[in-house]
Amino acid sequence: MELLSQRGVILVDNVLWSGDVLTDPPSDDRTAAIQDLNRMVAADARVTAVLATIRDGILVITPKLSH
């Protein structure tokens, strides 16, 4: 986050992982890593995240603007 400008954007591809991100427990380490990433972004108060449900999911992350 320290390297991202106030108007920067982070795009993360494959965040739906063919629906496997909904499995509990995760089926493998890669699925677990994507689940962890999704939880981490959702819990981060410094960012706004939007999930674009295009194909296997694209997470669009932007810093919240400070006023």
N, C-alpha and C. Protein backbone atom coordinates (compact mmCIF):
# COMPACT_ATOMS: atom_id res chain seq x y z
N MET A 1 0.81 -1.19 0.00
CA MET A 1 0.00 0.00 0.00
C MET A 1 0.86 1.26 0.00
N GLU A 2 2.02 1.19 0.61
CA GLU A 2 2.89 2.37 0.67
C GLU A 2 3.35 2.79 -0.73
N LEU A 3 3.42 1.86 -1.66
CA LEU A 3 3.89 2.16 -3.01
C LEU A 3 2.77 2.55 -3.97
N LEU A 4 1.53 2.41 -3.54
CA LEU A 4 0.39 2.69 -4.40
C LEU A 4 -0.03 4.15 -4.25
N SER A 5 -0.17 4.84 -5.38
CA SER A 5 -0.61 6.24 -5.32
C SER A 5 -2.08 6.31 -4.91
N GLN A 6 -2.52 7.49 -4.50
CA GLN A 6 -3.91 7.68 -4.08
C GLN A 6 -4.89 7.34 -5.19
N ARG A 7 -4.46 7.42 -6.43
CA ARG A 7 -5.35 7.11 -7.55
C ARG A 7 -4.96 5.81 -8.24
N GLY A 8 -4.13 5.04 -7.58
CA GLY A 8 -3.68 3.77 -8.13
C GLY A 8 -4.77 2.71 -8.08
N VAL A 9 -4.57 1.66 -8.87
CA VAL A 9 -5.52 0.55 -8.94
C VAL A 9 -4.73 -0.76 -8.93
N ILE A 10 -5.22 -1.72 -8.16
CA ILE A 10 -4.67 -3.06 -8.16
C ILE A 10 -5.73 -3.99 -8.74
N LEU A 11 -5.38 -4.78 -9.74
CA LEU A 11 -6.30 -5.76 -10.33
C LEU A 11 -5.78 -7.15 -9.99
N VAL A 12 -6.65 -7.99 -9.44
CA VAL A 12 -6.28 -9.36 -9.11
C VAL A 12 -7.21 -10.28 -9.88
N ASP A 13 -6.63 -11.13 -10.72
CA ASP A 13 -7.39 -12.05 -11.56
C ASP A 13 -7.62 -13.37 -10.85
N ASN A 14 -8.64 -14.09 -11.26
CA ASN A 14 -8.96 -15.45 -10.81
C ASN A 14 -9.36 -15.55 -9.35
N VAL A 15 -9.99 -14.52 -8.79
CA VAL A 15 -10.34 -14.56 -7.37
C VAL A 15 -11.54 -15.45 -7.08
N LEU A 16 -12.27 -15.88 -8.09
CA LEU A 16 -13.36 -16.84 -7.85
C LEU A 16 -12.89 -18.28 -7.99
N TRP A 17 -11.80 -18.49 -8.68
CA TRP A 17 -11.13 -19.80 -8.78
C TRP A 17 -12.12 -20.91 -9.10
N SER A 18 -12.91 -20.70 -10.15
CA SER A 18 -13.93 -21.66 -10.61
C SER A 18 -14.93 -22.03 -9.52
N GLY A 19 -15.15 -21.12 -8.60
CA GLY A 19 -16.08 -21.37 -7.50
C GLY A 19 -15.46 -22.11 -6.33
N ASP A 20 -14.23 -22.56 -6.47
CA ASP A 20 -13.56 -23.31 -5.41
C ASP A 20 -13.30 -22.48 -4.17
N VAL A 21 -13.32 -21.14 -4.29
CA VAL A 21 -13.10 -20.29 -3.11
C VAL A 21 -14.21 -20.44 -2.08
N LEU A 22 -15.31 -21.07 -2.46
CA LEU A 22 -16.42 -21.27 -1.54
C LEU A 22 -16.29 -22.56 -0.74
N THR A 23 -15.32 -23.42 -1.08
CA THR A 23 -15.17 -24.69 -0.37
C THR A 23 -14.53 -24.48 0.99
N ASP A 24 -15.05 -25.21 1.98
CA ASP A 24 -14.50 -25.14 3.33
C ASP A 24 -14.48 -26.54 3.91
N PRO A 25 -13.33 -27.08 4.15
CA PRO A 25 -12.01 -26.47 4.02
C PRO A 25 -11.58 -26.41 2.55
N PRO A 26 -10.61 -25.54 2.24
CA PRO A 26 -10.15 -25.42 0.85
C PRO A 26 -9.54 -26.73 0.37
N SER A 27 -9.70 -26.98 -0.92
CA SER A 27 -9.25 -28.25 -1.49
C SER A 27 -7.74 -28.35 -1.66
N ASP A 28 -7.04 -27.21 -1.72
CA ASP A 28 -5.58 -27.23 -1.88
C ASP A 28 -4.99 -25.90 -1.41
N ASP A 29 -3.67 -25.82 -1.43
CA ASP A 29 -2.97 -24.62 -0.94
C ASP A 29 -3.26 -23.39 -1.79
N ARG A 30 -3.40 -23.57 -3.10
CA ARG A 30 -3.68 -22.41 -3.96
C ARG A 30 -5.05 -21.82 -3.66
N THR A 31 -6.03 -22.68 -3.45
CA THR A 31 -7.37 -22.20 -3.10
C THR A 31 -7.34 -21.49 -1.76
N ALA A 32 -6.62 -22.05 -0.80
CA ALA A 32 -6.50 -21.42 0.52
C ALA A 32 -5.85 -20.05 0.41
N ALA A 33 -4.85 -19.91 -0.44
CA ALA A 33 -4.17 -18.63 -0.62
C ALA A 33 -5.12 -17.58 -1.20
N ILE A 34 -5.94 -17.97 -2.15
CA ILE A 34 -6.90 -17.03 -2.75
C ILE A 34 -7.96 -16.64 -1.72
N GLN A 35 -8.42 -17.61 -0.92
CA GLN A 35 -9.37 -17.29 0.14
C GLN A 35 -8.77 -16.30 1.13
N ASP A 36 -7.52 -16.53 1.51
CA ASP A 36 -6.83 -15.62 2.44
C ASP A 36 -6.71 -14.22 1.85
N LEU A 37 -6.35 -14.14 0.57
CA LEU A 37 -6.24 -12.83 -0.09
C LEU A 37 -7.59 -12.12 -0.09
N ASN A 38 -8.65 -12.82 -0.46
CA ASN A 38 -9.98 -12.21 -0.50
C ASN A 38 -10.39 -11.70 0.88
N ARG A 39 -10.13 -12.48 1.92
CA ARG A 39 -10.46 -12.05 3.29
C ARG A 39 -9.64 -10.84 3.72
N MET A 40 -8.35 -10.87 3.36
CA MET A 40 -7.46 -9.77 3.74
C MET A 40 -7.92 -8.46 3.10
N VAL A 41 -8.25 -8.50 1.82
CA VAL A 41 -8.70 -7.29 1.12
C VAL A 41 -10.04 -6.82 1.70
N ALA A 42 -10.96 -7.75 1.96
CA ALA A 42 -12.27 -7.38 2.51
C ALA A 42 -12.15 -6.72 3.88
N ALA A 43 -11.16 -7.11 4.65
CA ALA A 43 -10.99 -6.58 6.00
C ALA A 43 -10.15 -5.31 6.07
N ASP A 44 -9.53 -4.92 4.97
CA ASP A 44 -8.63 -3.77 4.97
C ASP A 44 -9.42 -2.48 4.81
N ALA A 45 -9.50 -1.70 5.88
CA ALA A 45 -10.27 -0.45 5.88
C ALA A 45 -9.65 0.63 5.00
N ARG A 46 -8.43 0.42 4.54
CA ARG A 46 -7.75 1.44 3.72
C ARG A 46 -8.15 1.39 2.26
N VAL A 47 -8.87 0.34 1.85
CA VAL A 47 -9.17 0.16 0.44
C VAL A 47 -10.66 -0.03 0.19
N THR A 48 -11.03 0.21 -1.05
CA THR A 48 -12.34 -0.14 -1.57
C THR A 48 -12.11 -1.25 -2.59
N ALA A 49 -12.89 -2.32 -2.50
CA ALA A 49 -12.71 -3.44 -3.43
C ALA A 49 -14.04 -3.76 -4.10
N VAL A 50 -13.96 -4.01 -5.39
CA VAL A 50 -15.14 -4.37 -6.18
C VAL A 50 -14.80 -5.65 -6.94
N LEU A 51 -15.70 -6.62 -6.88
CA LEU A 51 -15.50 -7.87 -7.59
C LEU A 51 -16.25 -7.80 -8.91
N ALA A 52 -15.51 -7.88 -10.00
CA ALA A 52 -16.10 -7.95 -11.34
C ALA A 52 -16.24 -9.43 -11.67
N THR A 53 -17.46 -9.89 -11.84
CA THR A 53 -17.70 -11.31 -12.07
C THR A 53 -17.55 -11.67 -13.54
N ILE A 54 -16.46 -11.25 -14.10
CA ILE A 54 -16.10 -11.56 -15.47
C ILE A 54 -15.30 -12.85 -15.45
N ARG A 55 -15.79 -13.86 -16.13
CA ARG A 55 -15.12 -15.17 -16.18
C ARG A 55 -14.80 -15.68 -14.79
N ASP A 56 -13.55 -15.71 -14.39
CA ASP A 56 -13.17 -16.29 -13.11
C ASP A 56 -12.94 -15.25 -12.02
N GLY A 57 -13.45 -14.06 -12.23
CA GLY A 57 -13.41 -13.02 -11.22
C GLY A 57 -12.19 -12.14 -11.26
N ILE A 58 -12.42 -10.84 -11.27
CA ILE A 58 -11.36 -9.85 -11.19
C ILE A 58 -11.68 -8.93 -10.01
N LEU A 59 -10.76 -8.83 -9.09
CA LEU A 59 -10.92 -7.95 -7.94
C LEU A 59 -10.24 -6.63 -8.25
N VAL A 60 -11.01 -5.54 -8.17
CA VAL A 60 -10.51 -4.20 -8.44
C VAL A 60 -10.36 -3.50 -7.09
N ILE A 61 -9.12 -3.16 -6.75
CA ILE A 61 -8.83 -2.59 -5.44
C ILE A 61 -8.27 -1.19 -5.61
N THR A 62 -8.87 -0.22 -4.91
CA THR A 62 -8.37 1.15 -4.93
C THR A 62 -8.26 1.68 -3.51
N PRO A 63 -7.29 2.56 -3.27
CA PRO A 63 -7.20 3.15 -1.93
C PRO A 63 -8.38 4.07 -1.68
N LYS A 64 -8.87 4.08 -0.44
CA LYS A 64 -9.91 5.03 -0.08
C LYS A 64 -9.29 6.41 -0.09
N LEU A 65 -10.01 7.35 -0.65
CA LEU A 65 -9.49 8.71 -0.72
C LEU A 65 -9.56 9.37 0.64
N SER A 66 -8.47 10.00 1.03
CA SER A 66 -8.46 10.74 2.30
C SER A 66 -8.86 12.17 2.02
N HIS A 67 -9.64 12.73 2.90
CA HIS A 67 -10.12 14.11 2.69
C HIS A 67 -9.41 15.04 3.63
